[in-house]
């Protein structure tokens, strides 16, 4: 999993890189807020970081400013953001969380606490991925259902139906191509009776 680290203090940044590297995370480290935003914009898409660890106070854009931009920029709504800050008063913590942070870590950070909070972030990201996949599956299923709604032109004689490309096809073919229905074929009692009568008449 890829994580962005934005910290202006070189020593702290190296410690963060080292600690997160031991967790087998792909770490992108930058020294200020502007570089952090540029990295996020450049990597937007499938290569984008899934977790961001942002120092609250740093040159350029501060962590809280980046956070606000993220929460209003399409494509970054689900990025898991952890604020790294020496501002640990309850009012400051509440302010950071209200701005959209998912979590925070006090400076100087404790490596075991950092690992625990990042692991929580990983679990949340994986859960979001799973939920997004299920939503996509449900949308596809709903699309199939919607395709079978409304008026369906059917021939009065051969019982073929007209599809969306104006081509007439068998009902069973139409159903299997527009839904997850698997059809099996048999003979209903009425048709069986008719067929037997026809056989009896042909043999007599």
N, C-alpha and C. Protein backbone atom coordinates (compact mmCIF):
# COMPACT_ATOMS: atom_id res chain seq x y z
N UNK A 1 0.84 -1.19 0.00
CA UNK A 1 0.00 0.00 0.00
C UNK A 1 0.88 1.25 0.00
N UNK A 2 0.47 2.27 -0.72
CA UNK A 2 1.28 3.49 -0.85
C UNK A 2 0.82 4.55 0.14
N UNK A 3 1.79 5.21 0.79
CA UNK A 3 1.49 6.26 1.77
C UNK A 3 2.33 7.49 1.48
N UNK A 4 1.70 8.66 1.53
CA UNK A 4 2.40 9.93 1.36
C UNK A 4 2.72 10.51 2.73
N UNK A 5 3.98 10.92 2.92
CA UNK A 5 4.41 11.55 4.17
C UNK A 5 4.86 12.97 3.86
N UNK A 6 4.23 13.95 4.50
CA UNK A 6 4.61 15.35 4.32
C UNK A 6 5.06 15.90 5.68
N UNK A 7 6.36 16.15 5.81
CA UNK A 7 6.95 16.62 7.08
C UNK A 7 8.16 17.48 6.76
N UNK A 8 8.18 18.72 7.28
CA UNK A 8 9.26 19.63 6.92
C UNK A 8 10.55 19.39 7.71
N UNK A 9 10.44 18.78 8.89
CA UNK A 9 11.65 18.50 9.67
C UNK A 9 12.34 17.26 9.11
N UNK A 10 13.60 17.43 8.68
CA UNK A 10 14.31 16.35 7.99
C UNK A 10 14.50 15.12 8.86
N UNK A 11 14.83 15.32 10.14
CA UNK A 11 15.06 14.18 11.03
C UNK A 11 13.76 13.39 11.24
N UNK A 12 12.68 14.12 11.52
CA UNK A 12 11.38 13.46 11.73
C UNK A 12 10.94 12.74 10.46
N UNK A 13 11.17 13.39 9.32
CA UNK A 13 10.77 12.78 8.04
C UNK A 13 11.52 11.46 7.81
N UNK A 14 12.82 11.44 8.12
CA UNK A 14 13.61 10.21 7.95
C UNK A 14 13.13 9.11 8.91
N UNK A 15 12.80 9.51 10.13
CA UNK A 15 12.30 8.53 11.10
C UNK A 15 10.96 7.94 10.63
N UNK A 16 10.11 8.80 10.07
CA UNK A 16 8.82 8.33 9.55
C UNK A 16 9.03 7.37 8.38
N UNK A 17 9.91 7.75 7.46
CA UNK A 17 10.21 6.88 6.32
C UNK A 17 10.72 5.52 6.78
N UNK A 18 11.64 5.54 7.74
CA UNK A 18 12.22 4.30 8.23
C UNK A 18 11.18 3.42 8.90
N UNK A 19 10.35 4.02 9.77
CA UNK A 19 9.34 3.26 10.49
C UNK A 19 8.30 2.66 9.54
N UNK A 20 7.84 3.48 8.60
CA UNK A 20 6.82 3.01 7.66
C UNK A 20 7.39 2.01 6.66
N UNK A 21 8.66 2.19 6.33
CA UNK A 21 9.32 1.25 5.42
C UNK A 21 9.38 -0.15 6.01
N UNK A 22 9.58 -0.23 7.32
CA UNK A 22 9.61 -1.53 7.99
C UNK A 22 8.25 -2.21 7.97
N UNK A 23 7.20 -1.43 7.75
CA UNK A 23 5.85 -1.99 7.65
C UNK A 23 5.54 -2.43 6.22
N UNK A 24 6.57 -2.37 5.37
CA UNK A 24 6.45 -2.77 3.96
C UNK A 24 5.45 -1.91 3.19
N UNK A 25 5.45 -0.62 3.52
CA UNK A 25 4.63 0.34 2.80
C UNK A 25 5.48 1.06 1.77
N UNK A 26 4.87 1.43 0.67
CA UNK A 26 5.54 2.20 -0.37
C UNK A 26 5.44 3.68 0.03
N UNK A 27 6.54 4.23 0.54
CA UNK A 27 6.53 5.58 1.12
C UNK A 27 6.98 6.63 0.12
N UNK A 28 6.17 7.69 -0.01
CA UNK A 28 6.55 8.88 -0.77
C UNK A 28 6.70 10.00 0.24
N UNK A 29 7.91 10.52 0.40
CA UNK A 29 8.17 11.55 1.41
C UNK A 29 8.47 12.89 0.76
N UNK A 30 7.84 13.94 1.25
CA UNK A 30 8.08 15.30 0.76
C UNK A 30 8.29 16.23 1.95
N UNK A 31 8.87 17.42 1.66
CA UNK A 31 9.31 18.29 2.75
C UNK A 31 8.39 19.48 3.01
N UNK A 32 7.36 19.68 2.20
CA UNK A 32 6.46 20.81 2.45
C UNK A 32 5.09 20.54 1.86
N UNK A 33 4.15 21.42 2.19
CA UNK A 33 2.77 21.22 1.77
C UNK A 33 2.55 21.32 0.28
N UNK A 34 3.24 22.25 -0.36
CA UNK A 34 3.08 22.39 -1.82
C UNK A 34 3.54 21.13 -2.55
N UNK A 35 4.67 20.57 -2.10
CA UNK A 35 5.17 19.34 -2.71
C UNK A 35 4.20 18.19 -2.46
N UNK A 36 3.57 18.19 -1.29
CA UNK A 36 2.60 17.14 -0.98
C UNK A 36 1.40 17.21 -1.93
N UNK A 37 0.88 18.42 -2.13
CA UNK A 37 -0.27 18.57 -3.03
C UNK A 37 0.10 18.21 -4.47
N UNK A 38 1.28 18.65 -4.89
CA UNK A 38 1.73 18.33 -6.26
C UNK A 38 1.87 16.81 -6.44
N UNK A 39 2.37 16.13 -5.42
CA UNK A 39 2.52 14.67 -5.50
C UNK A 39 1.16 13.99 -5.61
N UNK A 40 0.20 14.47 -4.84
CA UNK A 40 -1.14 13.90 -4.88
C UNK A 40 -1.79 14.13 -6.24
N UNK A 41 -1.62 15.33 -6.78
CA UNK A 41 -2.20 15.64 -8.09
C UNK A 41 -1.54 14.83 -9.19
N UNK A 42 -0.21 14.69 -9.12
CA UNK A 42 0.54 13.96 -10.15
C UNK A 42 0.20 12.48 -10.15
N UNK A 43 0.02 11.91 -8.96
CA UNK A 43 -0.23 10.48 -8.83
C UNK A 43 -1.70 10.13 -8.79
N UNK A 44 -2.54 11.09 -9.07
CA UNK A 44 -3.99 10.87 -9.01
C UNK A 44 -4.39 9.74 -9.95
N UNK A 45 -5.16 8.80 -9.44
CA UNK A 45 -5.55 7.64 -10.24
C UNK A 45 -5.15 6.36 -9.55
N UNK A 46 -4.82 5.35 -10.35
CA UNK A 46 -4.53 4.03 -9.77
C UNK A 46 -3.23 4.00 -8.98
N UNK A 47 -2.29 4.95 -9.24
CA UNK A 47 -1.02 4.97 -8.52
C UNK A 47 -1.04 5.92 -7.32
N UNK A 48 -2.19 6.49 -7.02
CA UNK A 48 -2.29 7.48 -5.95
C UNK A 48 -2.09 6.84 -4.57
N UNK A 49 -1.51 7.58 -3.64
CA UNK A 49 -1.40 7.07 -2.26
C UNK A 49 -2.80 6.83 -1.69
N UNK A 50 -2.92 5.82 -0.86
CA UNK A 50 -4.21 5.53 -0.24
C UNK A 50 -4.29 6.04 1.19
N UNK A 51 -3.11 6.39 1.74
CA UNK A 51 -3.02 6.99 3.06
C UNK A 51 -2.10 8.20 2.96
N UNK A 52 -2.43 9.27 3.65
CA UNK A 52 -1.56 10.46 3.69
C UNK A 52 -1.30 10.82 5.14
N UNK A 53 -0.03 11.00 5.47
CA UNK A 53 0.38 11.42 6.81
C UNK A 53 0.90 12.85 6.68
N UNK A 54 0.13 13.82 7.17
CA UNK A 54 0.42 15.23 6.92
C UNK A 54 0.76 15.97 8.21
N UNK A 55 1.89 16.67 8.19
CA UNK A 55 2.24 17.56 9.30
C UNK A 55 1.27 18.74 9.28
N UNK A 56 0.73 19.08 10.43
CA UNK A 56 -0.24 20.17 10.48
C UNK A 56 0.41 21.48 10.06
N UNK A 57 1.60 21.80 10.63
CA UNK A 57 2.26 23.08 10.35
C UNK A 57 3.55 22.83 9.58
N UNK A 58 3.60 23.32 8.33
CA UNK A 58 4.79 23.18 7.50
C UNK A 58 4.77 24.28 6.44
N UNK A 59 5.90 24.54 5.79
CA UNK A 59 5.95 25.58 4.77
C UNK A 59 4.98 25.30 3.62
N UNK A 60 4.60 26.37 2.93
CA UNK A 60 3.64 26.22 1.84
C UNK A 60 2.27 25.93 2.40
N UNK A 61 1.58 25.01 1.81
CA UNK A 61 0.28 24.60 2.34
C UNK A 61 0.46 23.83 3.64
N UNK A 62 -0.29 24.21 4.65
CA UNK A 62 -0.24 23.45 5.89
C UNK A 62 -1.12 22.21 5.75
N UNK A 63 -0.88 21.25 6.64
CA UNK A 63 -1.62 20.00 6.56
C UNK A 63 -3.12 20.19 6.58
N UNK A 64 -3.59 21.11 7.41
CA UNK A 64 -5.02 21.34 7.53
C UNK A 64 -5.59 21.94 6.24
N UNK A 65 -4.78 22.75 5.54
CA UNK A 65 -5.22 23.33 4.27
C UNK A 65 -5.30 22.25 3.18
N UNK A 66 -4.30 21.38 3.16
CA UNK A 66 -4.32 20.27 2.20
C UNK A 66 -5.55 19.39 2.46
N UNK A 67 -5.81 19.15 3.72
CA UNK A 67 -6.95 18.32 4.11
C UNK A 67 -8.25 18.90 3.58
N UNK A 68 -8.46 20.18 3.75
CA UNK A 68 -9.68 20.83 3.27
C UNK A 68 -9.80 20.71 1.75
N UNK A 69 -8.68 20.89 1.05
CA UNK A 69 -8.70 20.77 -0.41
C UNK A 69 -9.04 19.35 -0.84
N UNK A 70 -8.48 18.38 -0.12
CA UNK A 70 -8.73 16.98 -0.46
C UNK A 70 -10.22 16.66 -0.35
N UNK A 71 -10.85 17.13 0.71
CA UNK A 71 -12.24 16.78 0.95
C UNK A 71 -13.22 17.47 0.00
N UNK A 72 -12.73 18.40 -0.78
CA UNK A 72 -13.59 19.07 -1.76
C UNK A 72 -13.14 18.82 -3.20
N UNK A 73 -12.16 17.95 -3.38
CA UNK A 73 -11.64 17.65 -4.72
C UNK A 73 -12.05 16.24 -5.14
N UNK A 74 -12.77 16.11 -6.26
CA UNK A 74 -13.17 14.77 -6.73
C UNK A 74 -11.97 13.85 -6.90
N UNK A 75 -12.12 12.63 -6.46
CA UNK A 75 -11.05 11.65 -6.56
C UNK A 75 -10.26 11.48 -5.28
N UNK A 76 -10.40 12.43 -4.34
CA UNK A 76 -9.66 12.34 -3.08
C UNK A 76 -10.58 12.16 -1.87
N UNK A 77 -11.87 11.97 -2.11
CA UNK A 77 -12.82 11.91 -1.00
C UNK A 77 -12.51 10.79 -0.01
N UNK A 78 -11.99 9.66 -0.52
CA UNK A 78 -11.78 8.50 0.34
C UNK A 78 -10.33 8.34 0.83
N UNK A 79 -9.46 9.29 0.48
CA UNK A 79 -8.08 9.21 0.95
C UNK A 79 -8.06 9.25 2.48
N UNK A 80 -7.38 8.27 3.09
CA UNK A 80 -7.30 8.20 4.54
C UNK A 80 -6.19 9.14 5.01
N UNK A 81 -6.55 10.14 5.79
CA UNK A 81 -5.60 11.19 6.19
C UNK A 81 -5.36 11.15 7.70
N UNK A 82 -4.08 11.10 8.06
CA UNK A 82 -3.66 11.17 9.46
C UNK A 82 -2.88 12.46 9.65
N UNK A 83 -3.30 13.30 10.57
CA UNK A 83 -2.58 14.54 10.88
C UNK A 83 -1.49 14.26 11.89
N UNK A 84 -0.30 14.78 11.62
CA UNK A 84 0.84 14.68 12.53
C UNK A 84 1.03 16.06 13.14
N UNK A 85 0.87 16.17 14.45
CA UNK A 85 0.86 17.51 15.03
C UNK A 85 1.34 17.54 16.48
N UNK A 86 1.91 18.68 16.83
CA UNK A 86 2.28 18.92 18.23
C UNK A 86 1.14 19.65 18.95
N UNK A 87 0.10 20.00 18.21
CA UNK A 87 -1.07 20.67 18.79
C UNK A 87 -2.02 19.59 19.30
N UNK A 88 -1.94 19.27 20.57
CA UNK A 88 -2.68 18.13 21.11
C UNK A 88 -3.79 18.53 22.08
N UNK A 89 -4.09 19.84 22.16
CA UNK A 89 -5.23 20.25 22.97
C UNK A 89 -6.51 19.67 22.38
N UNK A 90 -7.49 19.40 23.22
CA UNK A 90 -8.74 18.80 22.74
C UNK A 90 -9.38 19.64 21.64
N UNK A 91 -9.29 20.97 21.80
CA UNK A 91 -9.90 21.84 20.79
C UNK A 91 -9.21 21.69 19.44
N UNK A 92 -7.88 21.57 19.46
CA UNK A 92 -7.13 21.41 18.21
C UNK A 92 -7.44 20.07 17.55
N UNK A 93 -7.48 19.02 18.36
CA UNK A 93 -7.78 17.69 17.83
C UNK A 93 -9.17 17.68 17.21
N UNK A 94 -10.14 18.25 17.92
CA UNK A 94 -11.51 18.30 17.42
C UNK A 94 -11.57 19.12 16.12
N UNK A 95 -10.81 20.19 16.06
CA UNK A 95 -10.77 21.04 14.86
C UNK A 95 -10.23 20.25 13.66
N UNK A 96 -9.15 19.51 13.90
CA UNK A 96 -8.56 18.73 12.81
C UNK A 96 -9.48 17.64 12.32
N UNK A 97 -10.14 16.95 13.23
CA UNK A 97 -11.07 15.89 12.84
C UNK A 97 -12.28 16.47 12.12
N UNK A 98 -12.76 17.63 12.58
CA UNK A 98 -13.90 18.27 11.93
C UNK A 98 -13.56 18.72 10.51
N UNK A 99 -12.29 19.03 10.28
CA UNK A 99 -11.85 19.45 8.95
C UNK A 99 -11.78 18.28 7.97
N UNK A 100 -11.87 17.05 8.51
CA UNK A 100 -11.89 15.88 7.63
C UNK A 100 -10.81 14.86 7.87
N UNK A 101 -9.97 15.07 8.90
CA UNK A 101 -8.93 14.08 9.19
C UNK A 101 -9.57 12.79 9.71
N UNK A 102 -8.99 11.67 9.33
CA UNK A 102 -9.48 10.38 9.83
C UNK A 102 -8.86 10.04 11.19
N UNK A 103 -7.66 10.57 11.44
CA UNK A 103 -6.96 10.25 12.69
C UNK A 103 -5.86 11.29 12.89
N UNK A 104 -5.20 11.24 14.03
CA UNK A 104 -4.08 12.14 14.29
C UNK A 104 -3.04 11.43 15.14
N UNK A 105 -1.79 11.91 15.04
CA UNK A 105 -0.69 11.40 15.85
C UNK A 105 0.05 12.58 16.45
N UNK A 106 0.31 12.52 17.74
CA UNK A 106 1.00 13.61 18.41
C UNK A 106 2.50 13.53 18.17
N UNK A 107 3.14 14.69 18.05
CA UNK A 107 4.60 14.78 17.92
C UNK A 107 5.19 15.13 19.29
N UNK A 108 6.35 14.55 19.62
CA UNK A 108 7.10 13.54 18.86
C UNK A 108 6.36 12.20 18.86
N UNK A 109 6.35 11.53 17.72
CA UNK A 109 5.54 10.33 17.60
C UNK A 109 6.22 9.11 18.21
N UNK A 110 5.40 8.18 18.65
CA UNK A 110 5.88 6.90 19.16
C UNK A 110 5.76 5.87 18.03
N UNK A 111 6.83 5.17 17.66
CA UNK A 111 6.78 4.24 16.53
C UNK A 111 5.68 3.19 16.64
N UNK A 112 5.44 2.67 17.84
CA UNK A 112 4.40 1.64 18.00
C UNK A 112 3.01 2.23 17.80
N UNK A 113 2.81 3.48 18.25
CA UNK A 113 1.53 4.14 18.03
C UNK A 113 1.34 4.43 16.55
N UNK A 114 2.40 4.89 15.89
CA UNK A 114 2.33 5.16 14.45
C UNK A 114 1.92 3.89 13.70
N UNK A 115 2.57 2.78 14.03
CA UNK A 115 2.24 1.52 13.36
C UNK A 115 0.78 1.14 13.58
N UNK A 116 0.32 1.26 14.83
CA UNK A 116 -1.06 0.89 15.14
C UNK A 116 -2.06 1.75 14.37
N UNK A 117 -1.81 3.04 14.30
CA UNK A 117 -2.76 3.93 13.64
C UNK A 117 -2.72 3.75 12.11
N UNK A 118 -1.55 3.49 11.56
CA UNK A 118 -1.45 3.24 10.13
C UNK A 118 -2.12 1.92 9.77
N UNK A 119 -1.99 0.91 10.63
CA UNK A 119 -2.65 -0.37 10.39
C UNK A 119 -4.17 -0.21 10.39
N UNK A 120 -4.67 0.64 11.27
CA UNK A 120 -6.11 0.94 11.26
C UNK A 120 -6.48 1.57 9.92
N UNK A 121 -5.65 2.49 9.46
CA UNK A 121 -5.89 3.12 8.17
C UNK A 121 -5.92 2.10 7.03
N UNK A 122 -4.99 1.15 7.06
CA UNK A 122 -4.96 0.10 6.04
C UNK A 122 -6.26 -0.69 6.03
N UNK A 123 -6.73 -1.06 7.22
CA UNK A 123 -7.97 -1.83 7.30
C UNK A 123 -9.15 -1.03 6.76
N UNK A 124 -9.18 0.25 7.07
CA UNK A 124 -10.27 1.09 6.58
C UNK A 124 -10.23 1.21 5.05
N UNK A 125 -9.03 1.37 4.50
CA UNK A 125 -8.88 1.48 3.05
C UNK A 125 -9.34 0.20 2.37
N UNK A 126 -8.95 -0.95 2.92
CA UNK A 126 -9.37 -2.24 2.34
C UNK A 126 -10.88 -2.42 2.43
N UNK A 127 -11.47 -1.96 3.54
CA UNK A 127 -12.91 -2.04 3.69
C UNK A 127 -13.61 -1.16 2.66
N UNK A 128 -13.08 0.05 2.45
CA UNK A 128 -13.66 0.94 1.45
C UNK A 128 -13.57 0.34 0.05
N UNK A 129 -12.43 -0.29 -0.24
CA UNK A 129 -12.28 -0.96 -1.53
C UNK A 129 -13.35 -2.04 -1.71
N UNK A 130 -13.52 -2.85 -0.66
CA UNK A 130 -14.49 -3.94 -0.72
C UNK A 130 -15.90 -3.40 -0.92
N UNK A 131 -16.25 -2.34 -0.19
CA UNK A 131 -17.57 -1.75 -0.33
C UNK A 131 -17.77 -1.16 -1.72
N UNK A 132 -16.72 -0.52 -2.25
CA UNK A 132 -16.82 0.06 -3.59
C UNK A 132 -17.04 -1.03 -4.63
N UNK A 133 -16.37 -2.16 -4.46
CA UNK A 133 -16.54 -3.28 -5.39
C UNK A 133 -17.96 -3.82 -5.32
N UNK A 134 -18.50 -3.93 -4.09
CA UNK A 134 -19.87 -4.44 -3.95
C UNK A 134 -20.88 -3.47 -4.56
N UNK A 135 -20.65 -2.17 -4.37
CA UNK A 135 -21.54 -1.17 -4.97
C UNK A 135 -21.52 -1.28 -6.49
N UNK A 136 -20.33 -1.46 -7.05
CA UNK A 136 -20.21 -1.61 -8.51
C UNK A 136 -20.97 -2.85 -8.99
N UNK A 137 -20.86 -3.94 -8.24
CA UNK A 137 -21.59 -5.16 -8.59
C UNK A 137 -23.10 -4.93 -8.55
N UNK A 138 -23.56 -4.22 -7.50
CA UNK A 138 -24.98 -3.93 -7.38
C UNK A 138 -25.47 -3.02 -8.50
N UNK A 139 -24.64 -2.07 -8.92
CA UNK A 139 -25.01 -1.18 -10.02
C UNK A 139 -25.17 -1.95 -11.32
N UNK A 140 -24.26 -2.91 -11.54
CA UNK A 140 -24.36 -3.76 -12.74
C UNK A 140 -25.63 -4.59 -12.69
N UNK A 141 -25.91 -5.17 -11.52
CA UNK A 141 -27.13 -5.98 -11.37
C UNK A 141 -28.38 -5.13 -11.59
N UNK A 142 -28.36 -3.91 -11.05
CA UNK A 142 -29.50 -3.01 -11.23
C UNK A 142 -29.68 -2.65 -12.69
N UNK A 143 -28.57 -2.44 -13.39
CA UNK A 143 -28.64 -2.13 -14.82
C UNK A 143 -29.29 -3.27 -15.58
N UNK A 144 -28.96 -4.53 -15.21
CA UNK A 144 -29.59 -5.68 -15.85
C UNK A 144 -31.09 -5.70 -15.61
N UNK A 145 -31.47 -5.39 -14.37
CA UNK A 145 -32.90 -5.38 -14.04
C UNK A 145 -33.61 -4.29 -14.82
N UNK A 146 -33.00 -3.11 -14.89
CA UNK A 146 -33.62 -1.99 -15.60
C UNK A 146 -33.77 -2.29 -17.08
N UNK A 147 -32.85 -3.06 -17.65
CA UNK A 147 -32.93 -3.40 -19.07
C UNK A 147 -34.12 -4.30 -19.36
N UNK A 148 -34.62 -5.01 -18.34
CA UNK A 148 -35.75 -5.91 -18.53
C UNK A 148 -37.08 -5.25 -18.16
N UNK A 149 -37.04 -3.97 -17.81
CA UNK A 149 -38.26 -3.26 -17.46
C UNK A 149 -38.83 -2.54 -18.68
N UNK A 150 -40.10 -2.16 -18.61
CA UNK A 150 -40.73 -1.40 -19.68
C UNK A 150 -41.38 -2.31 -20.71
N UNK A 151 -41.78 -1.72 -21.84
CA UNK A 151 -42.44 -2.46 -22.90
C UNK A 151 -41.45 -3.32 -23.67
N UNK A 152 -41.85 -4.55 -23.97
CA UNK A 152 -41.01 -5.48 -24.72
C UNK A 152 -41.79 -5.95 -25.94
N UNK A 153 -41.46 -5.48 -27.16
CA UNK A 153 -42.19 -5.89 -28.36
C UNK A 153 -42.03 -7.39 -28.62
N UNK A 154 -43.13 -8.08 -28.82
CA UNK A 154 -43.09 -9.51 -29.08
C UNK A 154 -44.01 -9.84 -30.26
N UNK A 155 -43.54 -10.70 -31.14
CA UNK A 155 -44.31 -11.08 -32.33
C UNK A 155 -45.49 -11.96 -31.92
N UNK A 156 -46.66 -11.65 -32.45
CA UNK A 156 -47.87 -12.41 -32.11
C UNK A 156 -47.84 -13.82 -32.68
N UNK A 157 -47.03 -14.05 -33.69
CA UNK A 157 -47.03 -15.35 -34.35
C UNK A 157 -45.86 -16.24 -33.89
N UNK A 158 -44.63 -15.77 -34.12
CA UNK A 158 -43.48 -16.62 -33.79
C UNK A 158 -42.98 -16.42 -32.36
N UNK A 159 -43.52 -15.39 -31.67
CA UNK A 159 -43.17 -15.10 -30.28
C UNK A 159 -41.72 -14.62 -30.09
N UNK A 160 -41.08 -14.16 -31.16
CA UNK A 160 -39.76 -13.55 -31.00
C UNK A 160 -39.93 -12.14 -30.42
N UNK A 161 -38.88 -11.64 -29.77
CA UNK A 161 -38.92 -10.29 -29.21
C UNK A 161 -37.92 -9.40 -29.95
N UNK A 162 -38.25 -8.11 -29.99
CA UNK A 162 -37.38 -7.16 -30.68
C UNK A 162 -36.47 -6.50 -29.65
N UNK A 163 -35.13 -6.64 -29.86
CA UNK A 163 -34.18 -6.07 -28.91
C UNK A 163 -33.89 -4.62 -29.22
N UNK A 164 -32.95 -4.04 -28.46
CA UNK A 164 -32.65 -2.61 -28.61
C UNK A 164 -31.98 -2.25 -29.92
N UNK A 165 -31.46 -3.25 -30.64
CA UNK A 165 -30.85 -2.98 -31.96
C UNK A 165 -31.84 -3.24 -33.08
N UNK A 166 -33.12 -3.38 -32.72
CA UNK A 166 -34.21 -3.61 -33.68
C UNK A 166 -34.09 -4.96 -34.39
N UNK A 167 -33.45 -5.90 -33.72
CA UNK A 167 -33.31 -7.26 -34.27
C UNK A 167 -34.23 -8.19 -33.51
N UNK A 168 -34.92 -9.07 -34.25
CA UNK A 168 -35.84 -10.00 -33.61
C UNK A 168 -35.11 -11.28 -33.24
N UNK A 169 -35.25 -11.69 -31.98
CA UNK A 169 -34.57 -12.90 -31.52
C UNK A 169 -35.49 -13.71 -30.61
N UNK A 170 -35.11 -14.96 -30.38
CA UNK A 170 -35.90 -15.84 -29.53
C UNK A 170 -35.93 -15.30 -28.10
N UNK A 171 -37.03 -15.55 -27.42
CA UNK A 171 -37.19 -15.06 -26.05
C UNK A 171 -36.08 -15.58 -25.14
N UNK A 172 -35.74 -16.88 -25.27
CA UNK A 172 -34.72 -17.44 -24.40
C UNK A 172 -33.35 -16.80 -24.63
N UNK A 173 -33.06 -16.50 -25.90
CA UNK A 173 -31.81 -15.84 -26.23
C UNK A 173 -31.76 -14.43 -25.65
N UNK A 174 -32.89 -13.72 -25.72
CA UNK A 174 -32.98 -12.36 -25.20
C UNK A 174 -32.78 -12.34 -23.68
N UNK A 175 -33.45 -13.27 -22.99
CA UNK A 175 -33.37 -13.30 -21.53
C UNK A 175 -31.96 -13.62 -21.04
N UNK A 176 -31.29 -14.56 -21.68
CA UNK A 176 -29.95 -14.94 -21.23
C UNK A 176 -28.93 -13.84 -21.51
N UNK A 177 -29.16 -13.01 -22.54
CA UNK A 177 -28.21 -11.93 -22.85
C UNK A 177 -28.49 -10.66 -22.07
N UNK A 178 -29.66 -10.56 -21.46
CA UNK A 178 -30.03 -9.35 -20.73
C UNK A 178 -30.19 -9.58 -19.22
N UNK A 179 -29.86 -10.74 -18.75
CA UNK A 179 -29.96 -11.03 -17.32
C UNK A 179 -29.03 -12.19 -16.98
N UNK A 180 -29.01 -12.54 -15.71
CA UNK A 180 -28.20 -13.67 -15.27
C UNK A 180 -29.01 -14.98 -15.24
N UNK A 181 -30.17 -14.94 -15.87
CA UNK A 181 -31.03 -16.12 -15.88
C UNK A 181 -30.41 -17.22 -16.75
N UNK A 182 -30.40 -18.45 -16.22
CA UNK A 182 -29.98 -19.63 -16.98
C UNK A 182 -31.22 -20.46 -17.27
N UNK A 183 -31.53 -20.66 -18.54
CA UNK A 183 -32.77 -21.35 -18.93
C UNK A 183 -32.54 -22.83 -19.16
N UNK A 184 -33.53 -23.62 -18.76
CA UNK A 184 -33.57 -25.04 -19.12
C UNK A 184 -34.85 -25.27 -19.93
N UNK A 185 -34.82 -26.23 -20.81
CA UNK A 185 -35.95 -26.44 -21.71
C UNK A 185 -36.72 -27.71 -21.34
N UNK A 186 -38.02 -27.63 -21.43
CA UNK A 186 -38.89 -28.76 -21.17
C UNK A 186 -40.19 -28.58 -21.96
N UNK A 187 -41.16 -29.43 -21.71
CA UNK A 187 -42.45 -29.35 -22.41
C UNK A 187 -43.54 -29.24 -21.36
N UNK A 188 -44.40 -28.22 -21.48
CA UNK A 188 -45.48 -28.04 -20.53
C UNK A 188 -46.57 -29.08 -20.79
N UNK A 189 -47.45 -29.37 -19.84
CA UNK A 189 -48.49 -30.40 -20.00
C UNK A 189 -49.41 -30.17 -21.20
N UNK A 190 -49.78 -28.91 -21.44
CA UNK A 190 -50.68 -28.63 -22.56
C UNK A 190 -50.01 -28.95 -23.90
N UNK A 191 -48.75 -28.53 -24.03
CA UNK A 191 -48.04 -28.82 -25.27
C UNK A 191 -47.79 -30.32 -25.43
N UNK A 192 -47.53 -30.99 -24.32
CA UNK A 192 -47.35 -32.44 -24.37
C UNK A 192 -48.61 -33.13 -24.86
N UNK A 193 -49.77 -32.68 -24.35
CA UNK A 193 -51.04 -33.26 -24.77
C UNK A 193 -51.29 -33.02 -26.25
N UNK A 194 -51.03 -31.81 -26.71
CA UNK A 194 -51.21 -31.48 -28.13
C UNK A 194 -50.29 -32.32 -29.00
N UNK A 195 -49.02 -32.45 -28.55
CA UNK A 195 -48.07 -33.23 -29.33
C UNK A 195 -48.48 -34.69 -29.42
N UNK A 196 -48.99 -35.26 -28.32
CA UNK A 196 -49.41 -36.65 -28.32
C UNK A 196 -50.61 -36.86 -29.23
N UNK A 197 -51.53 -35.91 -29.23
CA UNK A 197 -52.69 -36.01 -30.12
C UNK A 197 -52.23 -35.99 -31.58
N UNK A 198 -51.27 -35.12 -31.90
CA UNK A 198 -50.78 -35.03 -33.26
C UNK A 198 -50.09 -36.33 -33.68
N UNK A 199 -49.37 -36.95 -32.75
CA UNK A 199 -48.71 -38.22 -33.03
C UNK A 199 -49.74 -39.32 -33.25
N UNK A 200 -50.79 -39.32 -32.42
CA UNK A 200 -51.83 -40.33 -32.57
C UNK A 200 -52.52 -40.18 -33.90
N UNK A 201 -52.82 -38.92 -34.30
CA UNK A 201 -53.49 -38.68 -35.58
C UNK A 201 -52.61 -39.09 -36.74
N UNK A 202 -51.29 -38.82 -36.60
CA UNK A 202 -50.37 -39.17 -37.71
C UNK A 202 -50.22 -40.67 -37.86
N UNK A 203 -50.33 -41.40 -36.74
CA UNK A 203 -50.14 -42.86 -36.82
C UNK A 203 -51.40 -43.61 -37.18
N UNK A 204 -52.56 -42.93 -37.11
CA UNK A 204 -53.82 -43.62 -37.42
C UNK A 204 -54.18 -43.49 -38.90
